[in-house]
N, C-alpha and C. Protein backbone atom coordinates (compact mmCIF):
# COMPACT_ATOMS: atom_id res chain seq x y z
N MET A 1 30.08 36.31 -13.69
CA MET A 1 31.26 35.27 -13.88
C MET A 1 32.24 36.19 -13.64
N LYS A 2 33.22 35.42 -12.67
CA LYS A 2 34.49 36.08 -12.27
C LYS A 2 35.72 36.03 -13.53
N ILE A 3 36.48 36.97 -13.57
CA ILE A 3 37.46 37.19 -14.45
C ILE A 3 38.35 35.75 -14.51
N THR A 4 38.57 35.25 -13.32
CA THR A 4 39.48 34.16 -13.01
C THR A 4 38.91 32.82 -13.46
N GLU A 5 37.60 32.93 -13.37
CA GLU A 5 36.99 31.74 -13.82
C GLU A 5 37.23 31.78 -15.63
N LEU A 6 36.94 32.83 -16.26
CA LEU A 6 36.76 33.17 -17.68
C LEU A 6 38.28 32.59 -18.14
N ARG A 7 39.43 33.13 -17.45
CA ARG A 7 40.85 33.05 -17.96
C ARG A 7 41.17 31.55 -17.73
N GLU A 8 40.27 30.68 -17.29
CA GLU A 8 40.55 28.96 -17.24
C GLU A 8 39.86 28.34 -18.68
N LEU A 9 38.87 29.02 -19.18
CA LEU A 9 38.31 28.49 -20.36
C LEU A 9 39.14 28.59 -21.56
N THR A 10 39.01 28.13 -22.53
CA THR A 10 39.52 28.32 -23.98
C THR A 10 38.77 29.27 -24.58
N ASN A 11 39.35 29.80 -25.94
CA ASN A 11 38.68 30.93 -26.40
C ASN A 11 37.53 30.56 -26.90
N ASP A 12 37.11 29.13 -27.58
CA ASP A 12 35.97 28.75 -28.13
C ASP A 12 34.84 28.91 -27.11
N GLU A 13 35.34 28.49 -25.85
CA GLU A 13 34.27 28.13 -24.55
C GLU A 13 33.91 29.72 -24.30
N ILE A 14 34.86 30.44 -24.30
CA ILE A 14 34.32 31.83 -23.95
C ILE A 14 33.33 32.43 -25.04
N ALA A 15 33.92 32.10 -26.43
CA ALA A 15 32.78 32.70 -27.43
C ALA A 15 31.45 32.04 -27.25
N GLN A 16 31.61 30.96 -26.79
CA GLN A 16 30.16 30.21 -26.77
C GLN A 16 29.30 30.89 -25.87
N LYS A 17 30.02 31.27 -24.41
CA LYS A 17 29.47 31.84 -23.34
C LYS A 17 29.01 33.15 -23.87
N LEU A 18 29.84 34.06 -24.49
CA LEU A 18 29.62 35.27 -24.91
C LEU A 18 28.28 35.51 -25.59
N HIS A 19 28.21 34.57 -26.43
CA HIS A 19 27.11 34.54 -27.58
C HIS A 19 25.64 34.34 -26.63
N ASP A 20 26.01 33.36 -25.76
CA ASP A 20 24.98 33.05 -24.82
C ASP A 20 24.34 33.91 -23.98
N SER A 21 25.27 34.80 -23.39
CA SER A 21 25.10 35.86 -22.65
C SER A 21 24.47 37.26 -23.41
N GLN A 22 24.90 37.43 -24.66
CA GLN A 22 24.22 38.16 -25.40
C GLN A 22 22.95 37.88 -25.90
N GLU A 23 22.56 36.67 -26.23
CA GLU A 23 21.08 36.33 -26.28
C GLU A 23 20.34 36.40 -24.95
N GLU A 24 20.83 36.24 -23.86
CA GLU A 24 20.10 36.34 -22.78
C GLU A 24 19.93 37.90 -22.42
N LEU A 25 21.01 38.71 -22.69
CA LEU A 25 20.53 40.00 -22.46
C LEU A 25 19.74 40.69 -23.61
N PHE A 26 19.71 40.06 -24.80
CA PHE A 26 18.52 40.46 -25.58
C PHE A 26 17.20 40.06 -25.44
N ASN A 27 17.15 38.94 -24.49
CA ASN A 27 15.89 38.52 -24.10
C ASN A 27 15.40 39.47 -22.86
N LEU A 28 16.21 39.70 -21.75
CA LEU A 28 15.87 40.49 -20.74
C LEU A 28 15.33 42.09 -21.30
N ARG A 29 16.06 42.23 -22.16
CA ARG A 29 15.80 43.79 -22.79
C ARG A 29 14.46 43.71 -23.10
N PHE A 30 14.26 42.69 -23.97
CA PHE A 30 12.89 42.54 -24.50
C PHE A 30 11.77 42.44 -23.46
N GLN A 31 12.00 41.67 -22.49
CA GLN A 31 11.13 41.37 -21.31
C GLN A 31 10.85 43.23 -20.50
N LYS A 32 12.09 43.59 -20.36
CA LYS A 32 11.75 44.89 -20.09
C LYS A 32 11.22 45.96 -20.63
N SER A 33 10.95 45.92 -22.03
CA SER A 33 10.24 46.69 -22.82
C SER A 33 8.63 46.16 -22.59
N MET A 34 8.61 44.92 -22.01
CA MET A 34 6.85 44.44 -21.96
C MET A 34 6.67 44.74 -20.64
N ASN A 35 7.28 45.47 -20.02
CA ASN A 35 7.08 45.35 -18.26
C ASN A 35 6.76 44.07 -17.73
N ARG A 36 7.94 43.21 -18.03
CA ARG A 36 7.69 41.76 -17.52
C ARG A 36 8.86 41.32 -16.61
N LEU A 37 9.79 42.30 -16.51
CA LEU A 37 11.01 42.21 -16.03
C LEU A 37 11.18 41.97 -14.58
N GLU A 38 11.32 40.92 -13.72
CA GLU A 38 11.23 41.19 -12.27
C GLU A 38 12.43 41.89 -11.71
N ASN A 39 13.69 41.71 -12.17
CA ASN A 39 14.90 41.86 -11.46
C ASN A 39 16.12 42.59 -12.62
N ALA A 40 15.64 43.96 -12.67
CA ALA A 40 16.26 44.80 -13.51
C ALA A 40 18.11 44.84 -13.36
N ASN A 41 18.58 44.47 -11.86
CA ASN A 41 19.87 44.38 -11.93
C ASN A 41 20.55 43.42 -12.65
N LYS A 42 19.64 42.55 -13.36
CA LYS A 42 20.54 41.30 -14.00
C LYS A 42 20.82 41.76 -15.37
N ILE A 43 20.39 42.85 -15.80
CA ILE A 43 20.70 43.36 -17.15
C ILE A 43 22.17 43.87 -16.89
N LYS A 44 22.38 44.80 -15.79
CA LYS A 44 23.45 45.29 -15.66
C LYS A 44 24.65 44.40 -15.26
N ASP A 45 24.63 42.98 -14.71
CA ASP A 45 25.31 42.21 -14.33
C ASP A 45 25.56 41.36 -15.81
N ILE A 46 24.61 41.11 -16.66
CA ILE A 46 25.01 40.52 -17.82
C ILE A 46 25.83 41.39 -18.75
N LYS A 47 25.36 42.63 -18.99
CA LYS A 47 26.36 43.69 -19.69
C LYS A 47 28.01 43.60 -19.07
N LYS A 48 28.10 43.46 -17.87
CA LYS A 48 29.32 43.39 -17.31
C LYS A 48 30.11 42.20 -17.64
N ASP A 49 29.38 41.26 -17.66
CA ASP A 49 29.65 39.92 -18.17
C ASP A 49 30.40 39.73 -19.62
N VAL A 50 29.49 40.24 -20.41
CA VAL A 50 29.84 40.42 -21.55
C VAL A 50 31.07 41.30 -21.92
N ALA A 51 31.12 42.16 -21.03
CA ALA A 51 32.36 43.24 -21.58
C ALA A 51 33.50 42.52 -20.97
N ARG A 52 33.57 41.90 -19.79
CA ARG A 52 34.33 40.95 -19.50
C ARG A 52 35.14 39.82 -20.46
N MET A 53 34.34 39.14 -21.10
CA MET A 53 34.67 38.16 -22.14
C MET A 53 35.07 38.74 -23.44
N LYS A 54 34.45 39.90 -23.91
CA LYS A 54 34.92 40.50 -24.83
C LYS A 54 36.41 41.08 -24.48
N THR A 55 36.86 41.57 -23.36
CA THR A 55 38.07 42.26 -23.16
C THR A 55 39.26 40.79 -23.18
N LEU A 56 38.80 39.63 -22.43
CA LEU A 56 39.44 38.65 -22.02
C LEU A 56 39.97 38.35 -23.66
N LEU A 57 38.52 38.18 -24.61
CA LEU A 57 39.53 37.69 -25.91
C LEU A 57 40.06 38.34 -26.69
N LYS A 58 40.02 39.71 -26.40
CA LYS A 58 40.95 40.67 -27.13
C LYS A 58 42.43 40.66 -26.57
N GLU A 59 42.52 40.40 -25.12
CA GLU A 59 43.68 40.11 -24.43
C GLU A 59 44.71 38.97 -25.03
N LYS A 60 43.85 38.00 -25.18
CA LYS A 60 44.13 36.55 -25.94
C LYS A 60 44.80 36.76 -27.05
N GLU A 61 43.94 37.52 -28.12
CA GLU A 61 44.17 37.66 -29.42
C GLU A 61 45.75 38.59 -29.21
N LEU A 62 45.56 39.61 -28.56
CA LEU A 62 46.64 40.50 -28.85
C LEU A 62 47.94 39.70 -28.31
N ARG A 63 47.70 38.63 -27.51
CA ARG A 63 49.07 37.80 -27.00
C ARG A 63 49.24 36.82 -28.08
N GLY A 64 48.59 36.55 -28.87
CA GLY A 64 49.15 35.75 -30.10
C GLY A 64 48.52 34.06 -29.74
């Protein structure tokens, strides 16, 4: 997900997407440990999305 798309969302929507992404990341890591993960690059993409969302929430918090 692009940062420009995230900036259009409210804090609650971003927080919900963050929660969903963290759950998905957990499931992907679990699949990896069981050697059932088909696309290992997806983990990297989800981690970057989580970092973007956390950064954006922190920016909005600091602005007020």
